[in-house]
Protein backbone atom coordinates (compact mmCIF):
# COMPACT_ATOMS: atom_id res chain seq x y z
CA MET A 1 11.31 0.08 -7.99
CA PRO A 2 8.77 -1.31 -4.75
CA THR A 3 8.37 -4.87 -5.45
CA SER A 4 6.43 -6.12 -8.36
CA ARG A 5 3.24 -8.70 -8.29
CA ARG A 6 5.68 -11.15 -9.75
CA THR A 7 8.40 -10.64 -7.59
CA PHE A 8 6.16 -10.99 -4.71
CA LEU A 9 5.26 -14.38 -6.33
CA THR A 10 8.25 -15.51 -6.80
CA GLN A 11 9.93 -14.34 -2.96
CA LEU A 12 6.73 -16.28 -1.23
CA SER A 13 8.30 -19.97 -3.68
CA THR A 14 11.82 -19.13 -1.98
CA LEU A 15 10.06 -18.44 1.76
CA GLY A 16 8.11 -21.55 1.19
CA ALA A 17 4.81 -19.26 1.77
CA THR A 18 1.42 -20.72 0.77
CA ALA A 19 0.25 -17.51 -0.22
CA THR A 20 -2.47 -16.97 -3.04
CA LEU A 21 -4.16 -14.18 -4.71
CA GLY A 22 -7.46 -15.11 -4.49
CA SER A 23 -7.32 -17.74 -1.97
CA LEU A 24 -5.32 -19.68 0.88
CA GLY A 25 -4.80 -23.03 0.63
CA ALA A 26 -3.68 -24.80 3.47
CA ALA A 27 -4.42 -21.42 5.45
CA GLY A 28 -8.06 -22.93 5.87
CA THR A 29 -6.67 -25.80 8.57
CA LEU A 30 -3.48 -23.49 10.13
CA LEU A 31 -6.61 -20.85 10.98
CA SER A 32 -9.29 -23.19 12.03
CA SER A 33 -9.35 -23.38 15.88
CA PRO A 34 -7.74 -19.91 17.32
CA ALA A 35 -11.01 -18.93 18.48
CA LYS A 36 -10.66 -21.66 20.96
CA ALA A 37 -7.63 -19.91 22.54
CA THR A 38 -8.73 -16.45 22.93
CA THR A 39 -12.20 -16.65 24.75
CA GLY A 40 -13.36 -13.33 27.22
CA TRP A 41 -11.33 -11.39 24.02
CA PRO A 42 -11.78 -9.00 23.25
CA THR A 43 -13.30 -7.19 25.94
CA ARG A 44 -14.00 -3.30 24.37
CA PRO A 45 -13.93 -1.96 20.74
CA ILE A 46 -10.45 -2.73 19.06
CA ARG A 47 -8.71 0.35 17.51
CA LEU A 48 -8.03 -0.24 13.28
CA VAL A 49 -4.70 2.54 13.05
CA VAL A 50 -4.69 4.18 9.74
CA PRO A 51 -1.92 5.95 8.98
CA TYR A 52 -3.35 8.20 5.96
CA PRO A 53 -5.60 10.13 5.74
CA ALA A 54 -9.35 9.02 4.53
CA GLY A 55 -10.02 8.35 1.38
CA GLY A 56 -6.70 6.23 0.61
CA SER A 57 -6.45 2.59 -0.34
CA SER A 58 -5.54 1.56 3.08
CA ASP A 59 -8.78 3.76 4.39
CA ILE A 60 -11.05 2.60 2.16
CA ILE A 61 -10.09 -1.31 2.69
CA ALA A 62 -10.39 -0.19 6.51
CA ARG A 63 -13.30 0.40 6.16
CA LEU A 64 -15.18 -2.29 3.57
CA ILE A 65 -14.00 -4.86 6.27
CA SER A 66 -14.58 -3.43 9.24
CA ARG A 67 -18.05 -4.04 10.08
CA GLN A 68 -18.28 -7.59 9.28
CA LEU A 69 -14.96 -8.33 11.59
CA GLY A 70 -16.50 -6.49 14.59
CA GLU A 71 -19.48 -8.65 14.00
CA ALA A 72 -17.08 -11.36 13.58
CA LEU A 73 -15.76 -10.54 16.78
CA GLY A 74 -17.84 -9.58 18.90
CA GLN A 75 -17.08 -6.19 19.33
CA PRO A 76 -17.10 -2.44 16.94
CA ILE A 77 -13.92 -1.99 14.54
CA VAL A 78 -12.91 1.89 15.23
CA VAL A 79 -10.93 3.24 11.82
CA ASP A 80 -8.87 5.73 13.47
CA ASN A 81 -6.96 8.40 10.36
CA ARG A 82 -3.36 9.15 11.84
CA PRO A 83 -1.49 9.99 8.94
CA GLY A 84 1.86 11.62 8.52
CA ALA A 85 5.51 10.93 8.00
CA ASN A 86 4.78 7.55 5.08
CA GLY A 87 2.85 6.30 7.46
CA ASN A 88 4.99 6.04 10.26
CA ILE A 89 3.29 8.31 12.99
CA GLY A 90 0.46 5.90 13.12
CA ALA A 91 2.29 2.76 12.63
CA ALA A 92 4.25 3.83 15.83
CA MET A 93 1.00 4.39 17.67
CA VAL A 94 0.71 0.52 16.79
CA ALA A 95 3.86 -0.78 17.80
CA GLN A 96 4.35 0.85 21.37
CA ALA A 97 0.87 -0.18 22.21
CA GLY A 98 2.92 -3.22 23.63
CA THR A 99 0.17 -5.88 25.68
CA ASP A 100 -2.68 -3.64 25.27
CA ASN A 101 -4.35 -6.40 22.65
CA HIS A 102 -6.99 -4.19 21.38
CA THR A 103 -4.61 -2.02 18.68
CA LEU A 104 -4.07 -2.56 14.55
CA LEU A 105 -2.15 -1.26 11.85
CA LEU A 106 -3.84 -1.54 8.56
CA CYS A 107 -1.27 0.04 5.84
CA ASP A 108 0.83 -0.48 3.07
CA ILE A 109 3.07 -3.06 3.51
CA GLY A 110 5.55 -1.80 1.65
CA ALA A 111 6.11 1.63 2.39
CA LEU A 112 6.59 -0.35 6.20
CA ALA A 113 9.50 -1.62 5.47
CA ILE A 114 10.93 0.66 3.58
CA SER A 115 10.79 2.97 6.63
CA PRO A 116 13.54 2.53 7.71
CA SER A 117 16.17 2.16 4.94
CA VAL A 118 14.74 6.22 4.44
CA TYR A 119 14.21 7.87 8.07
CA THR A 120 16.82 7.66 9.89
CA LYS A 121 15.34 8.44 13.25
CA LEU A 122 12.17 5.91 13.77
CA THR A 123 10.71 6.20 16.59
CA PHE A 124 10.14 2.64 16.08
CA ASP A 125 11.39 -0.72 15.01
CA PRO A 126 8.46 -2.37 12.23
CA GLY A 127 10.90 -5.40 12.32
CA LYS A 128 10.73 -5.98 15.98
CA ASP A 129 8.28 -3.40 17.73
CA LEU A 130 4.93 -4.83 15.14
CA LYS A 131 4.04 -8.52 13.59
CA GLY A 132 2.30 -9.66 10.57
CA VAL A 133 -1.38 -10.28 10.96
CA SER A 134 -2.24 -11.26 7.09
CA MET A 135 -1.86 -9.41 3.78
CA LEU A 136 -4.93 -8.07 2.26
CA ALA A 137 -5.18 -6.51 -1.57
CA TYR A 138 -2.84 -5.97 -4.02
CA SER A 139 -3.64 -2.92 -6.19
CA PRO A 140 -0.86 -1.72 -8.91
CA HIS A 141 -0.03 2.07 -9.47
CA LEU A 142 -2.22 3.93 -12.46
CA LEU A 143 0.68 6.75 -13.81
CA VAL A 144 -2.53 9.41 -13.89
CA VAL A 145 -2.34 13.31 -15.41
CA HIS A 146 -4.58 16.34 -15.01
CA PRO A 147 -7.30 16.33 -18.37
CA SER A 148 -6.21 19.40 -18.99
CA VAL A 149 -2.37 18.16 -20.08
CA GLN A 150 -2.10 17.95 -23.67
CA VAL A 151 -0.21 14.38 -24.21
CA SER A 152 -1.73 10.47 -24.58
CA ASN A 153 1.24 7.95 -23.91
CA LEU A 154 4.98 8.25 -21.32
CA LYS A 155 6.31 9.36 -24.45
CA GLU A 156 4.78 12.49 -24.44
CA LEU A 157 4.71 13.00 -21.27
CA VAL A 158 8.43 12.95 -20.76
CA ASP A 159 8.85 14.97 -23.29
CA LEU A 160 6.51 18.09 -21.62
CA SER A 161 8.35 17.27 -18.71
CA LYS A 162 11.66 18.81 -20.28
CA ARG A 163 9.80 21.85 -21.83
CA THR A 164 7.85 22.81 -19.29
CA GLN A 165 7.48 22.54 -14.77
CA LEU A 166 5.00 19.56 -13.79
CA ASN A 167 3.90 19.25 -10.06
CA PHE A 168 4.29 15.66 -9.80
CA ALA A 169 1.85 15.08 -6.41
CA VAL A 170 4.02 12.50 -4.45
CA THR A 171 1.45 10.51 -1.99
CA ALA A 172 4.16 10.34 0.45
CA ILE A 173 7.85 11.17 0.73
CA GLY A 174 9.31 7.86 0.71
CA SER A 175 6.32 5.80 -0.35
CA ALA A 176 5.54 3.21 -3.07
CA PRO A 177 4.10 5.01 -5.33
CA HIS A 178 6.76 7.96 -5.09
CA LEU A 179 10.02 5.25 -5.57
CA ALA A 180 7.82 3.80 -8.69
CA GLY A 181 7.46 7.69 -9.76
CA VAL A 182 10.58 8.43 -9.41
CA ALA A 183 11.92 4.74 -11.27
CA VAL A 184 10.18 5.97 -14.59
CA ALA A 185 12.18 9.45 -14.10
CA GLN A 186 15.46 7.56 -14.09
CA ALA A 187 14.18 5.09 -16.72
CA THR A 188 12.90 8.19 -19.60
CA GLY A 189 14.49 11.18 -18.32
CA ALA A 190 11.34 12.41 -17.39
CA LYS A 191 11.81 16.43 -15.07
CA TRP A 192 9.22 16.23 -12.20
CA GLN A 193 8.51 18.50 -10.03
CA TYR A 194 8.19 16.65 -6.48
CA VAL A 195 5.44 17.91 -4.19
CA PRO A 196 4.99 15.64 -1.08
CA TYR A 197 2.00 15.50 0.05
CA LYS A 198 0.58 13.61 3.52
CA GLY A 199 -1.43 9.84 1.80
CA GLY A 200 -2.47 9.44 -1.17
CA ALA A 201 -6.59 11.15 -1.02
CA GLN A 202 -5.05 14.32 -0.28
CA ALA A 203 -2.79 14.01 -2.79
CA VAL A 204 -5.74 13.09 -5.71
CA ALA A 205 -7.81 15.87 -5.05
CA ASP A 206 -5.30 18.80 -5.72
CA THR A 207 -3.84 16.58 -9.20
CA VAL A 208 -8.30 16.52 -9.80
CA GLY A 209 -7.52 19.99 -8.78
CA GLY A 210 -4.89 20.74 -11.50
CA THR A 211 -2.48 22.49 -8.38
CA ALA A 212 -0.66 19.44 -9.86
CA GLN A 213 -0.29 17.67 -12.92
CA VAL A 214 0.93 14.29 -12.61
CA LEU A 215 0.07 11.35 -10.01
CA MET A 216 1.64 7.75 -9.52
CA ASN A 217 -0.80 6.32 -7.12
CA GLY A 218 -2.65 2.88 -5.82
CA MET A 219 -5.58 2.05 -8.38
CA LEU A 220 -7.98 1.27 -6.08
CA ALA A 221 -7.50 5.26 -4.76
CA THR A 222 -7.15 6.07 -7.90
CA LEU A 223 -10.12 4.74 -10.13
CA PRO A 224 -13.20 6.80 -9.55
CA GLN A 225 -11.28 9.73 -10.50
CA VAL A 226 -10.96 8.41 -13.79
CA GLN A 227 -14.05 7.13 -14.67
CA ALA A 228 -15.77 10.64 -13.58
CA GLY A 229 -13.24 12.10 -15.95
CA LYS A 230 -11.40 13.90 -13.90
CA LEU A 231 -7.75 12.16 -14.10
CA LYS A 232 -6.62 10.71 -18.10
CA VAL A 233 -4.86 8.05 -17.46
CA ILE A 234 -1.26 7.31 -19.49
CA ALA A 235 0.17 4.08 -18.05
CA VAL A 236 -0.96 1.29 -15.64
CA SER A 237 2.42 -0.25 -13.61
CA LYS A 238 1.01 -3.40 -14.12
CA LYS A 239 2.25 -6.69 -16.27
CA THR A 240 0.09 -6.27 -18.87
CA ARG A 241 -3.12 -4.73 -19.53
CA MET A 242 -6.48 -3.50 -17.76
CA PRO A 243 -9.81 -3.58 -19.25
CA LEU A 244 -10.96 -1.15 -16.44
CA VAL A 245 -8.91 1.94 -17.67
CA GLY A 246 -9.70 1.01 -21.37
CA GLN A 247 -6.41 -0.89 -22.43
CA VAL A 248 -3.97 1.97 -22.13
CA PRO A 249 -0.63 1.06 -22.08
CA THR A 250 1.17 -0.95 -19.51
CA ILE A 251 4.44 1.77 -18.77
CA ALA A 252 6.45 -1.66 -19.30
CA GLU A 253 5.36 -1.30 -23.03
CA GLN A 254 6.13 2.60 -23.13
CA GLY A 255 9.79 2.63 -22.97
CA VAL A 256 10.52 1.16 -19.67
CA PRO A 257 10.86 -3.25 -19.79
CA GLY A 258 9.56 -5.28 -17.12
CA PHE A 259 8.75 -2.10 -15.03
CA GLU A 260 5.80 -3.57 -12.21
CA SER A 261 4.90 -1.65 -8.80
CA GLY A 262 2.38 -1.60 -7.04
CA THR A 263 0.74 -0.79 -3.40
CA TRP A 264 0.45 -4.16 -0.27
CA GLN A 265 -2.26 -3.57 2.04
CA GLY A 266 -2.02 -5.69 5.04
CA VAL A 267 -2.58 -6.01 8.63
CA MET A 268 -0.06 -5.94 10.91
CA ALA A 269 -0.25 -5.95 15.34
CA PRO A 270 1.39 -4.79 18.20
CA ALA A 271 4.94 -7.20 18.51
CA GLY A 272 3.22 -8.22 22.20
CA MET A 273 0.07 -9.32 21.08
CA PRO A 274 0.12 -13.00 21.90
CA ASP A 275 -0.32 -15.53 19.02
CA ALA A 276 -3.66 -17.19 19.52
CA LEU A 277 -5.28 -13.05 19.34
CA VAL A 278 -3.12 -13.03 16.04
CA ALA A 279 -4.16 -16.56 14.31
CA ARG A 280 -7.16 -15.41 15.38
CA ILE A 281 -7.90 -11.91 13.93
CA SER A 282 -6.02 -13.19 10.89
CA SER A 283 -8.40 -15.95 10.19
CA GLU A 284 -11.71 -13.80 10.61
CA LEU A 285 -9.19 -10.62 7.75
CA ILE A 286 -8.87 -13.67 5.18
CA ARG A 287 -12.24 -15.32 5.74
CA ILE A 288 -14.16 -11.95 4.93
CA ILE A 289 -11.87 -10.68 2.23
CA ARG A 290 -12.34 -13.98 0.72
CA LEU A 291 -16.05 -13.22 0.45
CA PRO A 292 -17.63 -12.58 -3.30
CA ASP A 293 -19.18 -9.14 -2.34
CA VAL A 294 -16.29 -7.92 -1.00
CA ARG A 295 -13.77 -9.90 -3.65
CA ALA A 296 -15.67 -7.77 -6.34
CA GLN A 297 -15.68 -4.30 -4.24
CA LEU A 298 -11.86 -4.77 -4.93
CA ALA A 299 -12.06 -6.18 -8.62
CA GLY A 300 -14.42 -3.26 -9.20
CA GLN A 301 -11.70 -0.71 -8.40
CA GLY A 302 -8.73 -2.78 -9.89
CA ALA A 303 -7.55 -4.59 -6.55
CA GLU A 304 -6.82 -7.86 -6.03
CA VAL A 305 -7.24 -10.25 -2.78
CA VAL A 306 -3.92 -11.64 -0.91
CA THR A 307 -4.36 -14.27 1.73
CA MET A 308 -0.86 -14.55 3.42
CA THR A 309 -1.35 -16.07 7.34
CA PRO A 310 0.96 -14.18 10.62
CA PRO A 311 4.21 -16.51 9.78
CA GLU A 312 4.07 -15.48 5.75
CA THR A 313 2.95 -12.01 6.42
CA ASN A 314 6.48 -11.95 9.02
CA LYS A 315 8.61 -13.66 6.20
CA PHE A 316 7.40 -11.17 3.30
CA PHE A 317 8.03 -8.02 5.38
CA SER A 318 11.38 -9.30 6.49
CA ALA A 319 12.52 -10.18 2.89
CA GLU A 320 11.53 -6.59 2.24
CA THR A 321 12.73 -4.68 5.27
CA GLY A 322 16.75 -2.66 3.43
CA ARG A 323 16.22 -4.51 0.04
CA HIS A 324 16.95 -0.18 -1.26
CA PRO A 325 19.31 1.69 0.97
CA ALA A 326 21.31 2.14 -1.32
CA ARG A 327 19.38 3.25 -4.16
CA LEU A 328 16.87 4.96 -2.44
CA ILE A 329 19.76 7.51 -0.89
CA ARG A 330 21.25 8.33 -4.61
CA ALA A 331 17.87 8.52 -6.28
CA PRO A 332 17.39 11.97 -8.00
CA GLY A 333 14.19 13.02 -6.82
CA LEU A 334 14.54 11.51 -2.96
CA GLY A 335 17.91 12.64 -2.02
CA LYS A 336 16.25 16.48 -1.83
CA PHE A 337 14.15 15.42 1.22
CA LEU A 338 16.35 13.67 3.18
CA HIS A 339 16.17 16.08 5.15
CA LEU A 340 12.75 15.83 6.19
CA PHE A 341 13.12 11.98 6.65
CA ASP A 342 15.62 12.98 10.27
CA ARG A 343 12.13 14.16 11.43
CA ALA A 344 9.86 10.77 11.21
């Protein structure tokens, strides 16, 4: 299953990283003087590629930070949505930007790390063609249903899935929410009919509309529809219950011990971008994401601030890459999509 919050922190400890949730520790010292090495840059607007449709978790964060990042760097930040292939189309654009130095990627870092394991014809190598800038936020997944689905807990949902067809909206093939949904199905025996979309926003919209009945998605992009009464929460993927959704039991409490999953938003740059520029961008991102009003907005939608230096981001990304290939290939709910992986 996708990396859990607990596993993430364990990995960082093993790697000797100093990243924290909500604070940075040593990064203030580490990145204290990057501006001195970047005089004269940027010279034009910076394109921030979000490889998913507007309205998803990455897009929400991009638009939350773009104005202040632009003010800090002295040029506008242009958010450019380029959805498709679980983020690989937009990621490829950034990877191929070379030494452009004015193109960045804001994406689900976990999904990007998983891509080489499931997409056999990528036009880029994420580990070689991109470099880490910073992690920004963690958002646990919500398992939700359309209000017309007459269930109130995970067991009832699993039982219903065995009696009638339930369309499970897949935010993107091979994405973290997709893997989480497959993991729940494997553990409980649920029988979903997986329906793939090009991003979380479209998957949420179709579940709200009733075309799909079940959805697993990041809390950041899903909570507003829950609060509006348009989606019903069945379970949360975090270790502990969350007051924002009325203390709904966790997936772990409902028969899948130890289950945790979530989405990790972060920023990557082309491998050719000088380290001094990466350090300056990282320093500003960390400062902005830790501002009280920004943190409060994220917390109000169920996301936690994550701060991480470029070396730490690279180490975490490397640890994630290639972690799941054998299990992914075998997993029911993924095998039927393998022919699509060859298209990326």
